[in-house]
Protein backbone atom coordinates (compact mmCIF):
# COMPACT_ATOMS: atom_id res chain seq x y z
CA MET A 1 -29.88 25.96 -71.57
CA SER A 2 -27.58 23.60 -69.65
CA ALA A 3 -25.31 21.13 -71.40
CA HIS A 4 -26.34 17.49 -71.61
CA GLU A 5 -24.97 15.06 -69.06
CA SER A 6 -22.52 12.45 -70.33
CA GLU A 7 -23.52 8.80 -70.58
CA TRP A 8 -20.83 7.97 -68.01
CA THR A 9 -22.35 10.44 -65.54
CA LEU A 10 -25.79 8.93 -66.08
CA ARG A 11 -24.36 5.45 -65.55
CA ARG A 12 -22.87 6.62 -62.26
CA LEU A 13 -26.23 8.14 -61.34
CA ARG A 14 -27.94 4.76 -61.89
CA ALA A 15 -25.24 2.95 -59.93
CA GLY A 16 -25.58 5.33 -56.98
CA GLU A 17 -21.98 6.47 -57.29
CA LEU A 18 -22.63 10.24 -57.25
CA PRO A 19 -22.73 12.45 -54.13
CA ALA A 20 -26.28 13.20 -53.00
CA ALA A 21 -26.17 16.87 -54.09
CA ASP A 22 -24.88 16.00 -57.56
CA ALA A 23 -27.41 13.19 -57.94
CA ALA A 24 -30.29 15.52 -57.03
CA ARG A 25 -29.10 18.17 -59.49
CA ILE A 26 -28.70 15.68 -62.34
CA ARG A 27 -32.09 14.06 -61.68
CA THR A 28 -33.68 17.51 -61.90
CA HIS A 29 -31.89 18.13 -65.20
CA VAL A 30 -32.91 14.73 -66.60
CA ALA A 31 -36.55 15.35 -65.71
CA GLY A 32 -36.60 18.36 -68.01
CA CYS A 33 -34.16 17.22 -70.71
CA GLU A 34 -35.55 14.96 -73.42
CA ALA A 35 -32.13 13.83 -74.62
CA CYS A 36 -30.76 12.94 -71.18
CA GLY A 37 -34.06 11.33 -70.22
CA ALA A 38 -33.87 9.12 -73.31
CA THR A 39 -30.29 8.15 -72.49
CA LEU A 40 -31.22 7.23 -68.92
CA ARG A 41 -34.18 5.15 -70.13
CA ALA A 42 -31.87 3.37 -72.57
CA LEU A 43 -29.50 2.53 -69.71
CA GLU A 44 -32.41 1.13 -67.71
CA GLN A 45 -33.43 -1.01 -70.70
CA GLU A 46 -29.82 -2.15 -71.02
CA GLN A 47 -29.90 -3.23 -67.37
CA ALA A 48 -33.13 -5.14 -67.87
CA GLY A 49 -31.65 -6.87 -70.90
CA PHE A 50 -28.52 -7.73 -68.95
CA GLU A 51 -30.52 -9.38 -66.19
CA ALA A 52 -32.56 -11.32 -68.71
CA ALA A 53 -29.56 -12.51 -70.71
CA LEU A 54 -27.01 -12.96 -67.91
CA SER A 55 -28.93 -14.30 -64.97
CA PHE A 56 -27.39 -16.03 -62.00
CA GLU A 57 -29.55 -19.01 -62.89
CA HIS A 58 -27.64 -19.18 -66.19
CA PHE A 59 -24.41 -19.43 -64.23
CA GLU A 60 -25.91 -22.09 -61.94
CA ALA A 61 -26.77 -24.25 -64.94
CA GLY A 62 -23.27 -23.83 -66.34
CA VAL A 63 -21.68 -24.75 -63.03
CA ARG A 64 -23.85 -27.87 -62.74
CA ARG A 65 -22.79 -28.95 -66.22
CA ALA A 66 -19.14 -28.36 -65.34
CA GLU A 67 -19.54 -30.42 -62.17
CA GLU A 68 -21.07 -33.27 -64.12
CA ARG A 69 -18.24 -33.23 -66.66
CA GLN A 70 -15.66 -33.13 -63.89
CA ARG A 71 -17.19 -36.08 -62.06
CA ALA A 72 -17.38 -38.05 -65.30
CA THR A 73 -13.78 -37.44 -66.31
CA ARG A 74 -12.03 -37.09 -62.95
CA PRO A 75 -14.14 -38.89 -60.35
CA GLY A 76 -11.40 -38.91 -57.75
CA LEU A 77 -11.21 -35.12 -57.40
CA PRO A 78 -12.81 -33.46 -54.37
CA ARG A 79 -15.81 -31.29 -55.10
CA ARG A 80 -14.75 -27.65 -55.15
CA TRP A 81 -18.00 -26.10 -56.38
CA VAL A 82 -20.80 -26.05 -53.85
CA GLY A 83 -24.27 -25.80 -55.37
CA PRO A 84 -24.47 -22.92 -57.83
CA ALA A 85 -21.49 -21.09 -56.45
CA VAL A 86 -18.04 -21.52 -55.01
CA ALA A 87 -18.53 -21.49 -51.23
CA LEU A 88 -15.41 -19.99 -49.68
CA ALA A 89 -15.29 -21.32 -46.15
CA ALA A 90 -12.95 -18.88 -44.46
CA SER A 91 -13.77 -18.34 -40.80
CA VAL A 92 -14.36 -14.61 -41.17
CA LEU A 93 -15.09 -13.61 -44.77
CA VAL A 94 -16.24 -10.21 -46.00
CA MET A 95 -16.02 -9.17 -49.63
CA VAL A 96 -15.19 -5.57 -50.33
CA LEU A 97 -17.05 -4.79 -53.52
CA ALA A 98 -16.81 -1.12 -53.99
CA ARG A 99 -13.66 0.69 -52.99
CA PRO A 100 -10.90 0.97 -55.57
CA LEU A 101 -8.40 2.26 -52.95
CA LEU A 102 -5.93 2.82 -55.74
CA SER A 103 -4.70 5.93 -57.46
CA GLN A 104 -5.87 6.59 -61.01
CA GLU A 105 -2.28 6.04 -62.12
CA ARG A 106 -1.97 2.53 -60.69
CA GLY A 107 -5.53 1.52 -60.16
CA TRP A 108 -8.45 0.65 -62.37
CA ASP A 109 -9.30 3.39 -64.85
CA ARG A 110 -13.10 3.72 -65.02
CA SER A 111 -13.10 7.25 -66.38
CA LYS A 112 -15.08 8.03 -69.49
CA GLY A 113 -13.37 6.74 -72.57
CA SER A 114 -11.26 4.12 -70.80
CA ASP A 115 -10.90 0.86 -72.70
CA THR A 116 -10.48 -1.15 -69.49
CA GLN A 117 -13.25 -1.64 -66.95
CA ALA A 118 -14.17 -4.00 -64.14
CA GLU A 119 -17.53 -4.84 -62.64
CA LEU A 120 -18.66 -6.81 -59.63
CA ARG A 121 -22.29 -7.86 -59.94
CA ILE A 122 -24.40 -9.10 -57.00
CA GLY A 123 -27.47 -11.32 -57.32
CA GLY A 124 -29.09 -14.59 -56.40
CA GLY A 125 -30.88 -13.11 -53.39
CA PRO A 126 -34.42 -11.87 -52.86
CA GLY A 127 -33.81 -8.51 -54.51
CA PRO A 128 -32.80 -7.48 -58.05
CA GLN A 129 -29.28 -7.76 -59.37
CA ARG A 130 -27.05 -4.77 -58.72
CA GLU A 131 -23.57 -3.58 -59.50
CA ALA A 132 -21.27 -2.98 -56.55
CA ARG A 133 -20.39 0.65 -56.05
CA VAL A 134 -16.81 1.78 -56.35
CA ASP A 135 -16.78 4.42 -53.62
CA ALA A 136 -18.12 2.62 -50.54
CA PRO A 137 -18.33 -0.87 -49.03
CA GLU A 138 -21.22 -2.98 -50.32
CA ALA A 139 -23.39 -5.02 -47.94
CA LEU A 140 -24.35 -8.53 -48.97
CA ASP A 141 -27.57 -10.26 -47.98
CA SER A 142 -27.60 -13.88 -46.91
CA GLY A 143 -27.35 -16.21 -49.91
CA GLU A 144 -26.25 -13.54 -52.38
CA ARG A 145 -23.50 -14.34 -54.84
CA VAL A 146 -21.15 -12.27 -56.94
CA MET A 147 -19.88 -12.36 -60.52
CA LEU A 148 -16.79 -10.60 -61.84
CA GLY A 149 -16.60 -8.97 -65.27
CA TYR A 150 -13.97 -7.04 -67.18
CA LYS A 151 -13.11 -5.23 -70.38
CA ALA A 152 -9.45 -6.02 -70.92
CA GLY A 153 -8.46 -3.29 -73.37
CA THR A 154 -4.95 -4.18 -74.52
CA HIS A 155 -4.25 -6.49 -71.56
CA ARG A 156 -4.03 -10.20 -72.25
CA TYR A 157 -4.41 -11.94 -68.88
CA VAL A 158 -6.83 -11.79 -65.96
CA ALA A 159 -6.86 -13.13 -62.40
CA ALA A 160 -8.84 -12.47 -59.21
CA VAL A 161 -8.21 -13.09 -55.51
CA SER A 162 -9.99 -12.20 -52.28
CA VAL A 163 -8.72 -11.40 -48.79
CA ASP A 164 -10.81 -11.82 -45.65
CA ALA A 165 -10.63 -10.07 -42.28
CA ILE A 166 -8.11 -12.54 -40.81
CA GLY A 167 -5.79 -12.29 -43.80
CA GLU A 168 -6.82 -15.52 -45.50
CA VAL A 169 -6.26 -15.15 -49.25
CA THR A 170 -8.32 -17.18 -51.74
CA ALA A 171 -7.52 -17.49 -55.43
CA LEU A 172 -10.88 -16.98 -57.15
CA HIS A 173 -9.86 -17.34 -60.79
CA PRO A 174 -7.89 -19.26 -61.71
CA GLU A 175 -7.43 -21.34 -58.57
CA SER A 176 -3.85 -22.33 -59.44
CA GLY A 177 -1.22 -22.04 -62.12
CA GLN A 178 -1.05 -18.72 -63.95
CA SER A 179 -3.50 -15.92 -64.69
CA ALA A 180 -5.95 -16.85 -67.42
CA PRO A 181 -5.96 -15.47 -70.99
CA VAL A 182 -8.66 -12.83 -71.44
CA GLU A 183 -11.65 -13.52 -73.66
CA PRO A 184 -11.54 -11.72 -77.02
CA GLY A 185 -13.94 -8.92 -77.88
CA ASP A 186 -14.84 -5.42 -76.72
CA ALA A 187 -17.91 -6.44 -74.71
CA MET A 188 -17.88 -7.05 -70.96
CA GLN A 189 -16.51 -10.55 -70.33
CA TRP A 190 -17.49 -12.56 -67.25
CA LEU A 191 -15.38 -14.96 -65.25
CA PRO A 192 -17.00 -18.41 -65.19
CA GLY A 193 -19.28 -19.21 -62.28
CA SER A 194 -20.29 -17.10 -59.31
CA TRP A 195 -19.15 -17.02 -55.70
CA GLU A 196 -20.93 -17.03 -52.37
CA PHE A 197 -18.78 -15.73 -49.54
CA THR A 198 -19.45 -17.40 -46.20
CA GLY A 199 -18.75 -16.17 -42.70
CA SER A 200 -19.13 -12.58 -41.57
CA GLY A 201 -17.02 -9.44 -41.60
CA VAL A 202 -15.17 -7.70 -44.40
CA GLU A 203 -13.60 -9.17 -47.52
CA ARG A 204 -11.70 -7.46 -50.27
CA VAL A 205 -11.84 -8.67 -53.85
CA VAL A 206 -9.06 -7.78 -56.30
CA LEU A 207 -9.15 -8.26 -60.07
CA VAL A 208 -5.88 -7.87 -61.97
CA LEU A 209 -5.39 -7.42 -65.72
CA SER A 210 -1.84 -7.82 -66.98
CA ASP A 211 0.15 -7.96 -70.18
CA GLU A 212 2.04 -11.10 -69.14
CA PRO A 213 0.78 -14.11 -67.17
CA LEU A 214 1.23 -13.91 -63.40
CA ALA A 215 1.66 -16.92 -61.16
CA VAL A 216 -1.39 -17.31 -58.94
CA GLU A 217 0.87 -17.96 -55.96
CA THR A 218 2.60 -14.63 -56.65
CA LEU A 219 -0.76 -12.86 -56.49
CA VAL A 220 -1.65 -14.67 -53.28
CA GLU A 221 1.64 -13.70 -51.66
CA ALA A 222 1.24 -10.09 -52.84
CA ALA A 223 -2.21 -9.97 -51.24
CA ARG A 224 -0.82 -11.32 -47.98
CA GLY A 225 1.92 -8.71 -48.06
CA ALA A 226 -0.59 -5.92 -48.68
CA PHE A 227 -2.69 -7.17 -45.76
CA MET A 228 0.34 -7.01 -43.47
CA ASN A 229 1.29 -3.53 -44.73
CA ALA A 230 -2.25 -2.30 -43.97
CA ASN A 231 -2.13 -3.83 -40.47
CA GLY A 232 -5.21 -5.87 -41.37
CA ASP A 233 -7.28 -2.84 -42.40
CA LEU A 234 -8.95 -4.15 -45.56
CA GLU A 235 -10.61 -0.83 -46.35
CA HIS A 236 -7.16 0.73 -46.79
CA LEU A 237 -5.34 -2.15 -48.42
CA PRO A 238 -2.62 -0.83 -50.76
CA ALA A 239 -2.21 -1.94 -54.35
CA LEU A 240 -0.78 -5.42 -54.73
CA ALA A 241 2.90 -5.38 -55.66
CA VAL A 242 2.35 -6.96 -59.09
CA PRO A 243 2.37 -5.47 -62.60
CA GLY A 244 -0.89 -4.67 -64.34
CA GLU A 245 -4.10 -2.76 -63.65
CA GLN A 246 -6.07 -3.56 -60.50
CA THR A 247 -9.53 -2.87 -59.16
CA HIS A 248 -10.50 -3.50 -55.54
CA TRP A 249 -13.96 -3.90 -53.96
CA VAL A 250 -14.97 -4.15 -50.30
CA LEU A 251 -17.88 -6.41 -49.29
CA LEU A 252 -19.66 -6.59 -45.95
CA LYS A 253 -20.89 -10.13 -45.32
CA PRO A 254 -24.05 -10.70 -43.25
């Protein structure tokens, strides 16, 4: 009798992160294993509950309320949120959603038992929500938006930036100042709002958790430096030269 598969392995199976041969073997095992089958069904129910409780429409409503408050209190400010998402108008923008491109020592630790995790969730299009893979670029459909989530572990601050194919760096959260304090709790926390990336090409998204606040401009400059060091190759962008844990994703815009 073969050993049961771990929950982490089954999560990777659902996310499409396993090699084809491993995925086929594990699916065969799950089909004949009551315990693993129950675990996989529970993960599918968890996904359904996530989509019901954390829909992109929920974020749209929150963004609209934030816009209304901003216009009421600061009417002179330009509008930075476009519709339900932040429209980033770089000339060539591609988000890289799925490639960590970092070593386990310096990069994001998503191994079983880690107390820090990151997730990039895609939705708002014609198909169901999905989590971006971590081992290959993720293609976006027209109109799709992304949300960023994290489990901070012992880290206290979070920030996110993106880099497009021409080296334009955008501060996603926060947009200025210093990295934001993390939300308390062990559950996955989500950055406010969602983003729609305009243009076409490749874009890399980087989320950084740190123990001390980092200046947003420092993160932006570090991303520009990494872009130059990679000669513009976003799929092989090195780790940003800032302290903390990082995760990188590569997105392919339509």
